[in-house]
Amino acid sequence: MSAYQHEKHFTLSEARDLLPWLTGKVERIGVLFNTFEDRGFDVVTERWRPGGNGQTDTSPPEEFEEFISLIAELDRKGVLIKNFKQGVVDFPHILPNGREVYLCWMLGEATVSFRHEILDGFMGRRPVEGNQPEGSAPSP
């Protein structure tokens, strides 16, 4: 049994190399999520919200299979999507001292430049030491 929460871990370089593949998928997940939300479909419960849009069909939207498939693709790679709307993604990572953390990237960011403790989440993001992109300031 592993001492780590995740089986797959990424180096900073591996996480950054995945961004071209990942960006389009995360964008599409966001579009689908917003469409479902606008139409009154809750992706967590896989049900239509009552009274939202007069929807009487109990089956999920036609595009829901695509949504699930995209998330499954990320999951198979070991990538964790944390926020569908904003496109927040975490990559499990092991620091040189052996501590497991997440490298964190959000749609619209040029590269993976942040990490956070597993329990801290997005609000605990801080720059990856020694890898701050040129011309950017550390976040508060």
Protein backbone atom coordinates (compact mmCIF):
# COMPACT_ATOMS: atom_id res chain seq x y z
CA MET A 1 0.00 0.00 0.00
CA SER A 2 1.35 3.44 -1.00
CA ALA A 3 1.87 6.25 1.47
CA TYR A 4 0.50 8.62 -1.17
CA GLN A 5 -3.09 9.52 -1.96
CA HIS A 6 -2.53 9.20 -5.73
CA GLU A 7 -0.89 6.51 -7.84
CA LYS A 8 0.13 8.81 -10.71
CA HIS A 9 2.39 11.81 -10.04
CA PHE A 10 3.59 14.44 -12.50
CA THR A 11 6.82 16.34 -12.71
CA LEU A 12 6.41 20.04 -13.46
CA SER A 13 7.64 19.38 -16.99
CA GLU A 14 5.13 16.55 -17.54
CA ALA A 15 2.24 18.72 -16.33
CA ARG A 16 3.29 21.57 -18.60
CA ASP A 17 3.70 19.22 -21.57
CA LEU A 18 0.07 18.09 -21.18
CA LEU A 19 -1.37 21.61 -21.50
CA PRO A 20 -1.82 21.63 -25.29
CA TRP A 21 -3.86 18.39 -25.04
CA LEU A 22 -5.62 19.46 -21.86
CA THR A 23 -6.66 23.01 -22.80
CA GLY A 24 -9.24 22.06 -25.44
CA LYS A 25 -10.73 19.37 -23.24
CA VAL A 26 -11.07 21.68 -20.23
CA GLU A 27 -12.59 24.40 -22.44
CA ARG A 28 -15.17 21.93 -23.77
CA ILE A 29 -15.98 20.67 -20.26
CA GLY A 30 -16.63 24.29 -19.23
CA VAL A 31 -18.89 24.96 -22.21
CA LEU A 32 -20.90 21.82 -21.54
CA PHE A 33 -21.13 22.55 -17.81
CA ASN A 34 -22.41 26.08 -18.46
CA THR A 35 -24.95 24.75 -20.96
CA PHE A 36 -26.23 22.20 -18.45
CA GLU A 37 -26.39 24.82 -15.72
CA ASP A 38 -28.27 27.26 -17.98
CA ARG A 39 -30.77 24.55 -18.91
CA GLY A 40 -31.31 23.46 -15.29
CA PHE A 41 -29.41 20.17 -15.25
CA ASP A 42 -27.29 19.38 -12.17
CA VAL A 43 -24.24 17.32 -13.17
CA VAL A 44 -23.60 16.15 -9.61
CA THR A 45 -27.03 14.61 -9.03
CA GLU A 46 -27.55 13.92 -12.76
CA ARG A 47 -31.05 15.36 -12.46
CA TRP A 48 -32.99 18.30 -13.74
CA ARG A 49 -33.68 21.00 -11.16
CA PRO A 50 -37.40 21.34 -10.49
CA GLY A 51 -39.11 24.30 -12.10
CA GLY A 52 -35.93 25.46 -13.80
CA ASN A 53 -36.99 25.46 -17.42
CA GLY A 54 -40.12 23.37 -17.60
CA GLN A 55 -38.06 20.30 -18.43
CA THR A 56 -40.20 17.20 -18.04
CA ASP A 57 -37.81 14.63 -19.47
CA THR A 58 -35.92 12.77 -16.75
CA SER A 59 -33.06 11.63 -18.97
CA PRO A 60 -29.78 13.59 -18.97
CA PRO A 61 -29.05 16.00 -21.84
CA GLU A 62 -27.75 14.46 -25.02
CA GLU A 63 -24.29 16.01 -24.44
CA PHE A 64 -23.92 14.53 -20.95
CA GLU A 65 -22.16 11.41 -22.28
CA GLU A 66 -19.54 13.65 -23.93
CA PHE A 67 -19.07 15.53 -20.63
CA ILE A 68 -18.55 12.29 -18.69
CA SER A 69 -16.22 10.96 -21.39
CA LEU A 70 -14.01 14.07 -21.25
CA ILE A 71 -13.73 13.86 -17.48
CA ALA A 72 -12.89 10.15 -17.77
CA GLU A 73 -10.08 10.99 -20.23
CA LEU A 74 -8.53 13.37 -17.71
CA ASP A 75 -8.98 10.80 -14.96
CA ARG A 76 -7.22 8.09 -16.99
CA LYS A 77 -4.22 10.43 -17.37
CA GLY A 78 -4.23 11.13 -13.61
CA VAL A 79 -5.34 14.76 -14.01
CA LEU A 80 -7.95 16.06 -11.55
CA ILE A 81 -10.47 18.66 -12.67
CA LYS A 82 -11.52 20.69 -9.63
CA ASN A 83 -13.76 23.38 -11.08
CA PHE A 84 -15.73 22.83 -14.29
CA LYS A 85 -16.75 26.46 -14.72
CA GLN A 86 -13.32 28.06 -14.23
CA GLY A 87 -11.29 25.17 -15.62
CA VAL A 88 -9.17 24.52 -12.53
CA VAL A 89 -7.01 21.42 -12.81
CA ASP A 90 -4.64 19.72 -10.36
CA PHE A 91 -1.75 17.39 -11.08
CA PRO A 92 -0.57 15.19 -8.20
CA HIS A 93 3.11 15.91 -7.58
CA ILE A 94 5.83 14.78 -5.17
CA LEU A 95 8.15 17.46 -3.76
CA PRO A 96 11.85 16.66 -3.34
CA ASN A 97 11.20 16.16 0.39
CA GLY A 98 8.67 13.41 -0.47
CA ARG A 99 5.52 15.41 0.38
CA GLU A 100 2.56 14.96 -1.97
CA VAL A 101 1.05 18.23 -3.24
CA TYR A 102 -0.86 19.41 -6.29
CA LEU A 103 0.53 21.40 -9.18
CA CYS A 104 -2.34 23.70 -10.07
CA TRP A 105 -3.35 25.24 -13.40
CA MET A 106 -6.40 27.22 -14.45
CA LEU A 107 -7.74 27.75 -17.95
CA GLY A 108 -6.25 30.96 -19.34
CA GLU A 109 -2.92 30.63 -17.54
CA ALA A 110 0.04 30.31 -19.89
CA THR A 111 1.65 27.46 -18.00
CA VAL A 112 1.65 25.51 -14.75
CA SER A 113 3.21 27.96 -12.28
CA PHE A 114 1.48 27.19 -8.98
CA ARG A 115 1.17 24.44 -6.42
CA HIS A 116 -0.81 23.93 -3.23
CA GLU A 117 -1.11 21.52 -0.37
CA ILE A 118 -3.73 18.84 -0.95
CA LEU A 119 -5.97 20.05 1.87
CA ASP A 120 -5.50 23.78 1.12
CA GLY A 121 -7.08 23.74 -2.31
CA PHE A 122 -7.03 26.58 -4.84
CA MET A 123 -7.01 29.30 -2.18
CA GLY A 124 -3.65 27.99 -0.94
CA ARG A 125 -1.92 28.37 -4.29
CA ARG A 126 1.59 29.72 -4.31
CA PRO A 127 4.23 29.92 -7.01
CA VAL A 128 6.26 26.84 -7.79
CA GLU A 129 9.67 27.75 -6.34
CA GLY A 130 12.28 28.58 -8.94
CA ASN A 131 9.78 28.26 -11.79
CA GLN A 132 8.06 31.64 -11.81
CA PRO A 133 7.47 32.70 -15.44
CA GLU A 134 9.38 35.76 -16.59
CA GLY A 135 7.52 39.03 -16.13
CA SER A 136 4.97 37.67 -13.66
CA ALA A 137 4.63 38.52 -10.03
CA PRO A 138 3.88 35.99 -7.31
CA SER A 139 0.26 35.93 -6.31
CA PRO A 140 -0.62 37.29 -2.87
